Amino acid sequence: MKWFLKCIRNYVNFSGRARRREYWNFVLFSALLVIVAMILDLICFGRNSLFYGLACLFLFLPHLSVMARRLHDTGRSAKILIWYYAVWFVWVIALVLSGVSVVLNGAGSMSTGFLILLGGGALVFLIWSIFFLVWLCTAGTVGENKYGPDPKQNEEL
């Protein structure tokens, strides 16, 4: 729990490094918080809405910052995250525009271009996610790197 609170306190700190323990504990407690929010939504509203959305908004920046620091610990730049989300955003916009054109043209079945865009993009993001998973599970650089001192040697908690 202390790692989760550390990440919440450092929610806009995109510099420095984060240990694997810090990242994965944050992911664990975030998942638990989102599950609790979903249960509250189901009890109160009968569907996921208010509490789930608030929990996701609350955790978005802390998750990005701890992920950036975790990538720094492995010696990688956090610019990878910017590219990932930029490409994801463009892909979603392309899917929406392509889907709207399919609907407006009155096509009974989905166009081949839409299916290629959907499947190709999904495959690209699956592969990219596997790379992220491997990087996030990789041990950090021992000693100081260009992103800061080793968090294992300078443990504050």
C-alpha atoms as a PDB file:
ATOM      1  CA  MET A   1       0.000   0.000   0.000  1.00  0.00           C
ATOM      2  CA  LYS A   2       2.904   2.367   0.703  1.00  0.00           C
ATOM      3  CA  TRP A   3       4.036   2.086  -2.927  1.00  0.00           C
ATOM      4  CA  PHE A   4       0.554   2.973  -4.155  1.00  0.00           C
ATOM      5  CA  LEU A   5       0.470   6.056  -1.948  1.00  0.00           C
ATOM      6  CA  LYS A   6       3.974   7.015  -3.098  1.00  0.00           C
ATOM      7  CA  CYS A   7       2.781   6.914  -6.713  1.00  0.00           C
ATOM      8  CA  ILE A   8      -0.311   8.964  -5.879  1.00  0.00           C
ATOM      9  CA  ARG A   9       1.880  11.604  -4.179  1.00  0.00           C
ATOM     10  CA  ASN A  10       4.199  11.668  -7.244  1.00  0.00           C
ATOM     11  CA  TYR A  11       1.355  11.741  -9.768  1.00  0.00           C
ATOM     12  CA  VAL A  12       2.989  14.355 -12.034  1.00  0.00           C
ATOM     13  CA  ASN A  13       6.610  13.377 -11.432  1.00  0.00           C
ATOM     14  CA  PHE A  14       7.773  11.998 -14.767  1.00  0.00           C
ATOM     15  CA  SER A  15      11.472  12.220 -13.908  1.00  0.00           C
ATOM     16  CA  GLY A  16      13.569   9.786 -11.950  1.00  0.00           C
ATOM     17  CA  ARG A  17      13.242   6.047 -11.666  1.00  0.00           C
ATOM     18  CA  ALA A  18      10.783   3.559 -10.164  1.00  0.00           C
ATOM     19  CA  ARG A  19      11.501   0.030  -9.010  1.00  0.00           C
ATOM     20  CA  ARG A  20       9.516  -2.953 -10.245  1.00  0.00           C
ATOM     21  CA  ARG A  21       8.024  -3.293  -6.778  1.00  0.00           C
ATOM     22  CA  GLU A  22       6.719   0.279  -6.909  1.00  0.00           C
ATOM     23  CA  TYR A  23       5.164  -0.160 -10.355  1.00  0.00           C
ATOM     24  CA  TRP A  24       3.545  -3.552  -9.813  1.00  0.00           C
ATOM     25  CA  ASN A  25       2.208  -2.669  -6.353  1.00  0.00           C
ATOM     26  CA  PHE A  26       0.656   0.423  -7.885  1.00  0.00           C
ATOM     27  CA  VAL A  27      -0.914  -1.710 -10.627  1.00  0.00           C
ATOM     28  CA  LEU A  28      -2.259  -4.176  -8.043  1.00  0.00           C
ATOM     29  CA  PHE A  29      -3.874  -1.560  -5.812  1.00  0.00           C
ATOM     30  CA  SER A  30      -5.169   0.360  -8.840  1.00  0.00           C
ATOM     31  CA  ALA A  31      -6.867  -2.786 -10.105  1.00  0.00           C
ATOM     32  CA  LEU A  32      -8.410  -3.355  -6.678  1.00  0.00           C
ATOM     33  CA  LEU A  33      -9.633   0.250  -6.547  1.00  0.00           C
ATOM     34  CA  VAL A  34     -11.192  -0.044 -10.004  1.00  0.00           C
ATOM     35  CA  ILE A  35     -12.891  -3.332  -9.041  1.00  0.00           C
ATOM     36  CA  VAL A  36     -14.337  -1.717  -5.916  1.00  0.00           C
ATOM     37  CA  ALA A  37     -15.537   1.229  -8.035  1.00  0.00           C
ATOM     38  CA  MET A  38     -17.196  -1.159 -10.484  1.00  0.00           C
ATOM     39  CA  ILE A  39     -18.945  -3.005  -7.665  1.00  0.00           C
ATOM     40  CA  LEU A  40     -20.169   0.290  -6.183  1.00  0.00           C
ATOM     41  CA  ASP A  41     -21.472   1.298  -9.608  1.00  0.00           C
ATOM     42  CA  LEU A  42     -23.318  -1.992 -10.015  1.00  0.00           C
ATOM     43  CA  ILE A  43     -24.848  -1.669  -6.551  1.00  0.00           C
ATOM     44  CA  CYS A  44     -25.836   1.990  -6.937  1.00  0.00           C
ATOM     45  CA  PHE A  45     -26.629   2.294 -10.660  1.00  0.00           C
ATOM     46  CA  GLY A  46     -26.869  -1.219 -12.077  1.00  0.00           C
ATOM     47  CA  ARG A  47     -24.048  -0.532 -14.560  1.00  0.00           C
ATOM     48  CA  ASN A  48     -20.515   0.889 -14.705  1.00  0.00           C
ATOM     49  CA  SER A  49     -20.611   4.652 -14.812  1.00  0.00           C
ATOM     50  CA  LEU A  50     -19.806   7.251 -12.176  1.00  0.00           C
ATOM     51  CA  PHE A  51     -17.437   5.588  -9.685  1.00  0.00           C
ATOM     52  CA  TYR A  52     -15.634   3.602 -12.374  1.00  0.00           C
ATOM     53  CA  GLY A  53     -15.086   6.722 -14.487  1.00  0.00           C
ATOM     54  CA  LEU A  54     -13.875   8.738 -11.506  1.00  0.00           C
ATOM     55  CA  ALA A  55     -11.467   5.984 -10.460  1.00  0.00           C
ATOM     56  CA  CYS A  56     -10.038   5.756 -13.981  1.00  0.00           C
ATOM     57  CA  LEU A  57      -9.620   9.527 -14.209  1.00  0.00           C
ATOM     58  CA  PHE A  58      -8.020   9.617 -10.764  1.00  0.00           C
ATOM     59  CA  LEU A  59      -5.506   6.874 -11.666  1.00  0.00           C
ATOM     60  CA  PHE A  60      -4.624   7.973 -15.215  1.00  0.00           C
ATOM     61  CA  LEU A  61      -1.826  10.478 -14.463  1.00  0.00           C
ATOM     62  CA  PRO A  62      -0.293   8.484 -11.583  1.00  0.00           C
ATOM     63  CA  HIS A  63      -0.197   5.418 -13.847  1.00  0.00           C
ATOM     64  CA  LEU A  64       1.494   7.326 -16.658  1.00  0.00           C
ATOM     65  CA  SER A  65       4.054   8.849 -14.318  1.00  0.00           C
ATOM     66  CA  VAL A  66       4.997   5.599 -12.594  1.00  0.00           C
ATOM     67  CA  MET A  67       5.176   3.855 -15.982  1.00  0.00           C
ATOM     68  CA  ALA A  68       7.502   6.595 -17.272  1.00  0.00           C
ATOM     69  CA  ARG A  69       9.709   6.265 -14.195  1.00  0.00           C
ATOM     70  CA  ARG A  70       9.706   2.467 -14.568  1.00  0.00           C
ATOM     71  CA  LEU A  71      10.853   2.799 -18.189  1.00  0.00           C
ATOM     72  CA  HIS A  72      13.562   5.199 -16.983  1.00  0.00           C
ATOM     73  CA  ASP A  73      14.736   2.551 -14.522  1.00  0.00           C
ATOM     74  CA  THR A  74      15.323   0.167 -17.420  1.00  0.00           C
ATOM     75  CA  GLY A  75      17.226   2.861 -19.341  1.00  0.00           C
ATOM     76  CA  ARG A  76      14.435   3.663 -21.802  1.00  0.00           C
ATOM     77  CA  SER A  77      12.946   7.043 -22.568  1.00  0.00           C
ATOM     78  CA  ALA A  78       9.356   7.818 -21.598  1.00  0.00           C
ATOM     79  CA  LYS A  79       8.882   9.249 -25.094  1.00  0.00           C
ATOM     80  CA  ILE A  80       7.867   5.701 -26.030  1.00  0.00           C
ATOM     81  CA  LEU A  81       4.674   6.303 -24.029  1.00  0.00           C
ATOM     82  CA  ILE A  82       3.948   9.511 -25.924  1.00  0.00           C
ATOM     83  CA  TRP A  83       4.305   7.695 -29.238  1.00  0.00           C
ATOM     84  CA  TYR A  84       2.161   4.806 -28.017  1.00  0.00           C
ATOM     85  CA  TYR A  85      -0.723   7.045 -26.982  1.00  0.00           C
ATOM     86  CA  ALA A  86      -0.394   9.290 -30.037  1.00  0.00           C
ATOM     87  CA  VAL A  87      -0.568   6.312 -32.412  1.00  0.00           C
ATOM     88  CA  TRP A  88      -3.426   4.813 -30.384  1.00  0.00           C
ATOM     89  CA  PHE A  89      -5.358   8.103 -30.611  1.00  0.00           C
ATOM     90  CA  VAL A  90      -4.859   8.323 -34.394  1.00  0.00           C
ATOM     91  CA  TRP A  91      -5.928   4.671 -34.775  1.00  0.00           C
ATOM     92  CA  VAL A  92      -9.120   5.227 -32.777  1.00  0.00           C
ATOM     93  CA  ILE A  93      -9.978   8.350 -34.800  1.00  0.00           C
ATOM     94  CA  ALA A  94      -9.354   6.429 -38.048  1.00  0.00           C
ATOM     95  CA  LEU A  95     -11.616   3.606 -36.810  1.00  0.00           C
ATOM     96  CA  VAL A  96     -14.386   6.028 -35.889  1.00  0.00           C
ATOM     97  CA  LEU A  97     -14.195   7.854 -39.224  1.00  0.00           C
ATOM     98  CA  SER A  98     -14.065   4.582 -41.134  1.00  0.00           C
ATOM     99  CA  GLY A  99     -17.009   3.204 -39.151  1.00  0.00           C
ATOM    100  CA  VAL A 100     -19.019   6.360 -39.764  1.00  0.00           C
ATOM    101  CA  SER A 101     -18.361   6.100 -43.501  1.00  0.00           C
ATOM    102  CA  VAL A 102     -19.532   2.469 -43.460  1.00  0.00           C
ATOM    103  CA  VAL A 103     -22.743   3.495 -41.690  1.00  0.00           C
ATOM    104  CA  LEU A 104     -23.366   6.501 -43.952  1.00  0.00           C
ATOM    105  CA  ASN A 105     -22.814   4.482 -47.117  1.00  0.00           C
ATOM    106  CA  GLY A 106     -25.414   2.007 -45.939  1.00  0.00           C
ATOM    107  CA  ALA A 107     -23.171  -0.976 -46.470  1.00  0.00           C
ATOM    108  CA  GLY A 108     -24.740  -4.097 -45.078  1.00  0.00           C
ATOM    109  CA  SER A 109     -21.374  -5.557 -44.183  1.00  0.00           C
ATOM    110  CA  MET A 110     -18.218  -3.934 -43.010  1.00  0.00           C
ATOM    111  CA  SER A 111     -15.771  -2.812 -45.663  1.00  0.00           C
ATOM    112  CA  THR A 112     -12.488  -4.621 -46.179  1.00  0.00           C
ATOM    113  CA  GLY A 113     -10.540  -1.455 -45.382  1.00  0.00           C
ATOM    114  CA  PHE A 114     -12.283  -1.114 -42.034  1.00  0.00           C
ATOM    115  CA  LEU A 115     -11.539  -4.733 -41.133  1.00  0.00           C
ATOM    116  CA  ILE A 116      -7.881  -4.384 -42.164  1.00  0.00           C
ATOM    117  CA  LEU A 117      -7.583  -1.185 -40.111  1.00  0.00           C
ATOM    118  CA  LEU A 118      -9.232  -2.846 -37.129  1.00  0.00           C
ATOM    119  CA  GLY A 119      -7.226  -6.070 -37.267  1.00  0.00           C
ATOM    120  CA  GLY A 120      -3.922  -4.470 -38.243  1.00  0.00           C
ATOM    121  CA  GLY A 121      -4.125  -1.875 -35.513  1.00  0.00           C
ATOM    122  CA  ALA A 122      -5.116  -4.448 -32.920  1.00  0.00           C
ATOM    123  CA  LEU A 123      -2.130  -6.599 -33.920  1.00  0.00           C
ATOM    124  CA  VAL A 124       0.260  -3.634 -33.711  1.00  0.00           C
ATOM    125  CA  PHE A 125      -1.004  -2.713 -30.230  1.00  0.00           C
ATOM    126  CA  LEU A 126      -0.835  -6.337 -29.065  1.00  0.00           C
ATOM    127  CA  ILE A 127       2.825  -6.560 -30.112  1.00  0.00           C
ATOM    128  CA  TRP A 128       3.589  -3.140 -28.613  1.00  0.00           C
ATOM    129  CA  SER A 129       1.908  -4.193 -25.347  1.00  0.00           C
ATOM    130  CA  ILE A 130       4.054  -7.314 -25.168  1.00  0.00           C
ATOM    131  CA  PHE A 131       7.163  -5.139 -25.492  1.00  0.00           C
ATOM    132  CA  PHE A 132       5.884  -2.895 -22.682  1.00  0.00           C
ATOM    133  CA  LEU A 133       5.171  -5.906 -20.485  1.00  0.00           C
ATOM    134  CA  VAL A 134       8.696  -7.254 -21.001  1.00  0.00           C
ATOM    135  CA  TRP A 135      10.252  -3.836 -20.312  1.00  0.00           C
ATOM    136  CA  LEU A 136       8.156  -3.325 -17.181  1.00  0.00           C
ATOM    137  CA  CYS A 137       9.169  -6.759 -15.865  1.00  0.00           C
ATOM    138  CA  THR A 138      12.869  -6.299 -16.671  1.00  0.00           C
ATOM    139  CA  ALA A 139      15.231  -5.506 -13.817  1.00  0.00           C
ATOM    140  CA  GLY A 140      16.363  -1.908 -13.658  1.00  0.00           C
ATOM    141  CA  THR A 141      19.810  -0.639 -14.493  1.00  0.00           C
ATOM    142  CA  VAL A 142      22.177  -1.256 -11.588  1.00  0.00           C
ATOM    143  CA  GLY A 143      23.665   1.981 -10.322  1.00  0.00           C
ATOM    144  CA  GLU A 144      23.040   5.438 -11.685  1.00  0.00           C
ATOM    145  CA  ASN A 145      21.847   5.931 -15.263  1.00  0.00           C
ATOM    146  CA  LYS A 146      21.008   9.071 -17.223  1.00  0.00           C
ATOM    147  CA  TYR A 147      17.583   9.264 -15.524  1.00  0.00           C
ATOM    148  CA  GLY A 148      18.851   9.323 -11.962  1.00  0.00           C
ATOM    149  CA  PRO A 149      20.242   7.243  -9.120  1.00  0.00           C
ATOM    150  CA  ASP A 150      19.312   3.617  -8.552  1.00  0.00           C
ATOM    151  CA  PRO A 151      16.076   3.541  -6.509  1.00  0.00           C
ATOM    152  CA  LYS A 152      17.141   0.299  -4.806  1.00  0.00           C
ATOM    153  CA  GLN A 153      20.231   1.988  -3.391  1.00  0.00           C
ATOM    154  CA  ASN A 154      18.369   5.169  -2.385  1.00  0.00           C
ATOM    155  CA  GLU A 155      15.245   3.613  -0.937  1.00  0.00           C
ATOM    156  CA  GLU A 156      13.281   6.165   1.059  1.00  0.00           C
ATOM    157  CA  LEU A 157      10.447   3.923   2.211  1.00  0.00           C
END
